[in-house]
């Protein structure tokens, strides 16, 4: 990044995309390409985080406390 062209410095991907494809099309192309990995990463973190939370909760509730119930991973 940070390529200089006509005195303009591109610090962000959307600025580079706007220069290459135009104002609106460049923004749509870059934002859509950045959005997909963000959503996929969040889904992975939610699934693995939920499983880890369930494992930790199950280990804490080994004593058979009355307030311990099963945690569902799906609804």
N, C-alpha and C. Protein backbone atom coordinates (compact mmCIF):
# COMPACT_ATOMS: atom_id res chain seq x y z
N UNK A 1 0.85 -1.19 0.00
CA UNK A 1 0.00 0.00 0.00
C UNK A 1 0.89 1.24 0.00
N UNK A 2 0.30 2.36 0.20
CA UNK A 2 0.98 3.65 0.25
C UNK A 2 1.71 3.99 -1.04
N UNK A 3 1.11 3.59 -2.16
CA UNK A 3 1.70 3.94 -3.44
C UNK A 3 1.33 5.38 -3.78
N UNK A 4 2.28 6.08 -4.29
CA UNK A 4 2.05 7.48 -4.67
C UNK A 4 1.71 7.54 -6.15
N UNK A 5 0.64 8.23 -6.48
CA UNK A 5 0.27 8.44 -7.87
C UNK A 5 -0.32 9.84 -7.98
N UNK A 6 0.32 10.69 -8.71
CA UNK A 6 -0.11 12.08 -8.88
C UNK A 6 -0.23 12.80 -7.54
N UNK A 7 0.68 12.51 -6.64
CA UNK A 7 0.67 13.16 -5.34
C UNK A 7 -0.34 12.60 -4.36
N UNK A 8 -1.10 11.56 -4.74
CA UNK A 8 -2.10 10.95 -3.85
C UNK A 8 -1.51 9.69 -3.25
N UNK A 9 -1.66 9.55 -1.95
CA UNK A 9 -1.14 8.40 -1.24
C UNK A 9 -2.30 7.53 -0.79
N UNK A 10 -2.26 6.24 -1.12
CA UNK A 10 -3.35 5.33 -0.80
C UNK A 10 -3.04 4.61 0.50
N UNK A 11 -3.71 5.00 1.56
CA UNK A 11 -3.51 4.39 2.87
C UNK A 11 -4.50 3.27 3.16
N UNK A 12 -5.60 3.25 2.45
CA UNK A 12 -6.65 2.26 2.68
C UNK A 12 -6.96 1.54 1.37
N UNK A 13 -7.45 0.31 1.50
CA UNK A 13 -7.78 -0.46 0.30
C UNK A 13 -8.91 0.19 -0.49
N UNK A 14 -9.88 0.78 0.19
CA UNK A 14 -10.99 1.37 -0.55
C UNK A 14 -10.52 2.59 -1.36
N UNK A 15 -9.52 3.30 -0.91
CA UNK A 15 -8.99 4.40 -1.70
C UNK A 15 -8.32 3.89 -2.97
N UNK A 16 -7.59 2.80 -2.86
CA UNK A 16 -6.95 2.19 -4.02
C UNK A 16 -8.00 1.65 -4.98
N UNK A 17 -9.03 1.01 -4.45
CA UNK A 17 -10.11 0.50 -5.29
C UNK A 17 -10.87 1.60 -5.99
N UNK A 18 -11.11 2.70 -5.31
CA UNK A 18 -11.80 3.83 -5.93
C UNK A 18 -10.95 4.43 -7.04
N UNK A 19 -9.66 4.45 -6.86
CA UNK A 19 -8.80 4.99 -7.92
C UNK A 19 -8.79 4.05 -9.13
N UNK A 20 -8.80 2.73 -8.87
CA UNK A 20 -8.71 1.77 -9.97
C UNK A 20 -10.04 1.58 -10.70
N UNK A 21 -11.17 1.57 -9.98
CA UNK A 21 -12.46 1.23 -10.59
C UNK A 21 -13.47 2.37 -10.60
N UNK A 22 -13.15 3.51 -10.02
CA UNK A 22 -14.10 4.61 -9.94
C UNK A 22 -14.63 4.75 -8.52
N UNK A 23 -15.31 5.86 -8.27
CA UNK A 23 -15.76 6.18 -6.90
C UNK A 23 -16.68 5.12 -6.32
N UNK A 24 -17.80 4.83 -7.00
CA UNK A 24 -18.79 3.92 -6.42
C UNK A 24 -18.43 2.46 -6.61
N UNK A 25 -18.02 2.08 -7.82
CA UNK A 25 -17.73 0.68 -8.10
C UNK A 25 -16.53 0.20 -7.29
N UNK A 26 -15.51 1.01 -7.16
CA UNK A 26 -14.34 0.63 -6.38
C UNK A 26 -14.67 0.41 -4.93
N UNK A 27 -15.53 1.24 -4.37
CA UNK A 27 -15.94 1.08 -2.98
C UNK A 27 -16.73 -0.21 -2.79
N UNK A 28 -17.66 -0.50 -3.71
CA UNK A 28 -18.47 -1.72 -3.61
C UNK A 28 -17.61 -2.98 -3.75
N UNK A 29 -16.66 -2.95 -4.65
CA UNK A 29 -15.80 -4.13 -4.86
C UNK A 29 -14.96 -4.40 -3.61
N UNK A 30 -14.32 -3.38 -3.08
CA UNK A 30 -13.41 -3.57 -1.94
C UNK A 30 -14.19 -3.91 -0.67
N UNK A 31 -15.28 -3.21 -0.42
CA UNK A 31 -16.04 -3.46 0.81
C UNK A 31 -16.64 -4.87 0.80
N UNK A 32 -17.12 -5.31 -0.36
CA UNK A 32 -17.68 -6.67 -0.41
C UNK A 32 -16.60 -7.71 -0.19
N UNK A 33 -15.39 -7.48 -0.71
CA UNK A 33 -14.30 -8.42 -0.52
C UNK A 33 -13.81 -8.44 0.94
N UNK A 34 -13.92 -7.33 1.63
CA UNK A 34 -13.52 -7.29 3.04
C UNK A 34 -14.61 -7.83 3.96
N UNK A 35 -15.85 -7.73 3.52
CA UNK A 35 -16.98 -8.15 4.35
C UNK A 35 -17.05 -9.66 4.50
N UNK A 36 -16.75 -10.39 3.45
CA UNK A 36 -16.86 -11.86 3.47
C UNK A 36 -15.94 -12.48 4.52
N UNK A 37 -14.64 -12.16 4.58
CA UNK A 37 -13.80 -12.77 5.62
C UNK A 37 -14.19 -12.34 7.04
N UNK A 38 -14.69 -11.12 7.19
CA UNK A 38 -15.12 -10.67 8.52
C UNK A 38 -16.30 -11.51 9.02
N UNK A 39 -17.27 -11.74 8.17
CA UNK A 39 -18.44 -12.53 8.56
C UNK A 39 -18.04 -13.98 8.82
N UNK A 40 -17.22 -14.54 7.94
CA UNK A 40 -16.77 -15.93 8.14
C UNK A 40 -15.98 -16.07 9.44
N UNK A 41 -15.10 -15.14 9.72
CA UNK A 41 -14.32 -15.19 10.95
C UNK A 41 -15.19 -15.09 12.18
N UNK A 42 -16.20 -14.23 12.14
CA UNK A 42 -17.10 -14.10 13.28
C UNK A 42 -17.90 -15.37 13.52
N UNK A 43 -18.32 -16.03 12.46
CA UNK A 43 -19.06 -17.28 12.61
C UNK A 43 -18.17 -18.34 13.26
N UNK A 44 -16.93 -18.44 12.80
CA UNK A 44 -16.00 -19.43 13.38
C UNK A 44 -15.76 -19.13 14.85
N UNK A 45 -15.55 -17.87 15.19
CA UNK A 45 -15.31 -17.52 16.59
C UNK A 45 -16.53 -17.80 17.47
N UNK A 46 -17.73 -17.58 16.95
CA UNK A 46 -18.93 -17.85 17.74
C UNK A 46 -19.10 -19.35 17.98
N UNK A 47 -18.85 -20.16 16.96
CA UNK A 47 -19.02 -21.60 17.11
C UNK A 47 -17.97 -22.16 18.07
N UNK A 48 -16.71 -21.84 17.86
CA UNK A 48 -15.66 -22.38 18.73
C UNK A 48 -15.74 -21.78 20.13
N UNK A 49 -16.14 -20.52 20.22
CA UNK A 49 -16.29 -19.90 21.54
C UNK A 49 -17.43 -20.52 22.32
N UNK A 50 -18.52 -20.85 21.65
CA UNK A 50 -19.65 -21.50 22.32
C UNK A 50 -19.29 -22.89 22.82
N UNK A 51 -18.54 -23.62 22.01
CA UNK A 51 -18.12 -24.96 22.44
C UNK A 51 -17.16 -24.88 23.62
N UNK A 52 -16.25 -23.93 23.57
CA UNK A 52 -15.30 -23.77 24.68
C UNK A 52 -16.01 -23.36 25.96
N UNK A 53 -16.99 -22.48 25.84
CA UNK A 53 -17.76 -22.06 27.00
C UNK A 53 -18.53 -23.23 27.59
N UNK A 54 -19.09 -24.09 26.72
CA UNK A 54 -19.82 -25.26 27.20
C UNK A 54 -18.88 -26.21 27.92
N UNK A 55 -17.68 -26.44 27.39
CA UNK A 55 -16.73 -27.33 28.06
C UNK A 55 -16.31 -26.79 29.42
N UNK A 56 -16.06 -25.49 29.50
CA UNK A 56 -15.68 -24.89 30.78
C UNK A 56 -16.82 -24.98 31.78
N UNK A 57 -18.04 -24.73 31.34
CA UNK A 57 -19.21 -24.81 32.22
C UNK A 57 -19.43 -26.23 32.71
N UNK A 58 -19.27 -27.21 31.81
CA UNK A 58 -19.43 -28.62 32.20
C UNK A 58 -18.39 -29.03 33.24
N UNK A 59 -17.18 -28.55 33.13
CA UNK A 59 -16.15 -28.88 34.10
C UNK A 59 -16.42 -28.24 35.46
N UNK A 60 -16.96 -27.04 35.45
CA UNK A 60 -17.28 -26.37 36.71
C UNK A 60 -18.47 -27.01 37.41
N UNK A 61 -19.35 -27.62 36.65
CA UNK A 61 -20.56 -28.20 37.23
C UNK A 61 -20.42 -29.70 37.49
N UNK A 62 -19.23 -30.20 37.64
CA UNK A 62 -19.05 -31.62 37.94
C UNK A 62 -19.53 -31.99 39.33
N UNK A 63 -19.61 -31.00 40.22
CA UNK A 63 -20.00 -31.28 41.60
C UNK A 63 -21.48 -31.57 41.75
N UNK A 64 -22.27 -31.40 40.70
CA UNK A 64 -23.70 -31.69 40.78
C UNK A 64 -24.48 -30.61 41.51
N UNK A 65 -24.10 -29.39 41.34
CA UNK A 65 -24.81 -28.28 41.98
C UNK A 65 -26.23 -28.18 41.43
N UNK A 66 -27.19 -27.75 42.27
CA UNK A 66 -28.59 -27.72 41.80
C UNK A 66 -28.85 -26.68 40.71
N UNK A 67 -28.03 -25.65 40.62
CA UNK A 67 -28.27 -24.61 39.62
C UNK A 67 -27.65 -24.93 38.26
N UNK A 68 -26.94 -26.06 38.16
CA UNK A 68 -26.29 -26.44 36.90
C UNK A 68 -27.29 -27.13 35.97
N UNK A 69 -27.40 -26.63 34.77
CA UNK A 69 -28.24 -27.23 33.74
C UNK A 69 -27.40 -27.39 32.47
N UNK A 70 -27.89 -28.14 31.54
CA UNK A 70 -27.19 -28.29 30.27
C UNK A 70 -27.30 -27.01 29.45
N UNK A 71 -26.21 -26.66 28.81
CA UNK A 71 -26.21 -25.52 27.89
C UNK A 71 -26.43 -26.05 26.48
N UNK A 72 -27.39 -25.48 25.77
CA UNK A 72 -27.64 -25.89 24.39
C UNK A 72 -26.72 -25.11 23.46
N UNK A 73 -26.20 -25.78 22.46
CA UNK A 73 -25.36 -25.10 21.47
C UNK A 73 -26.18 -24.58 20.29
N UNK A 74 -27.38 -25.12 20.12
CA UNK A 74 -28.24 -24.67 19.02
C UNK A 74 -29.63 -24.34 19.55
N UNK A 75 -30.29 -23.46 18.87
CA UNK A 75 -31.68 -23.11 19.22
C UNK A 75 -32.52 -23.10 17.99
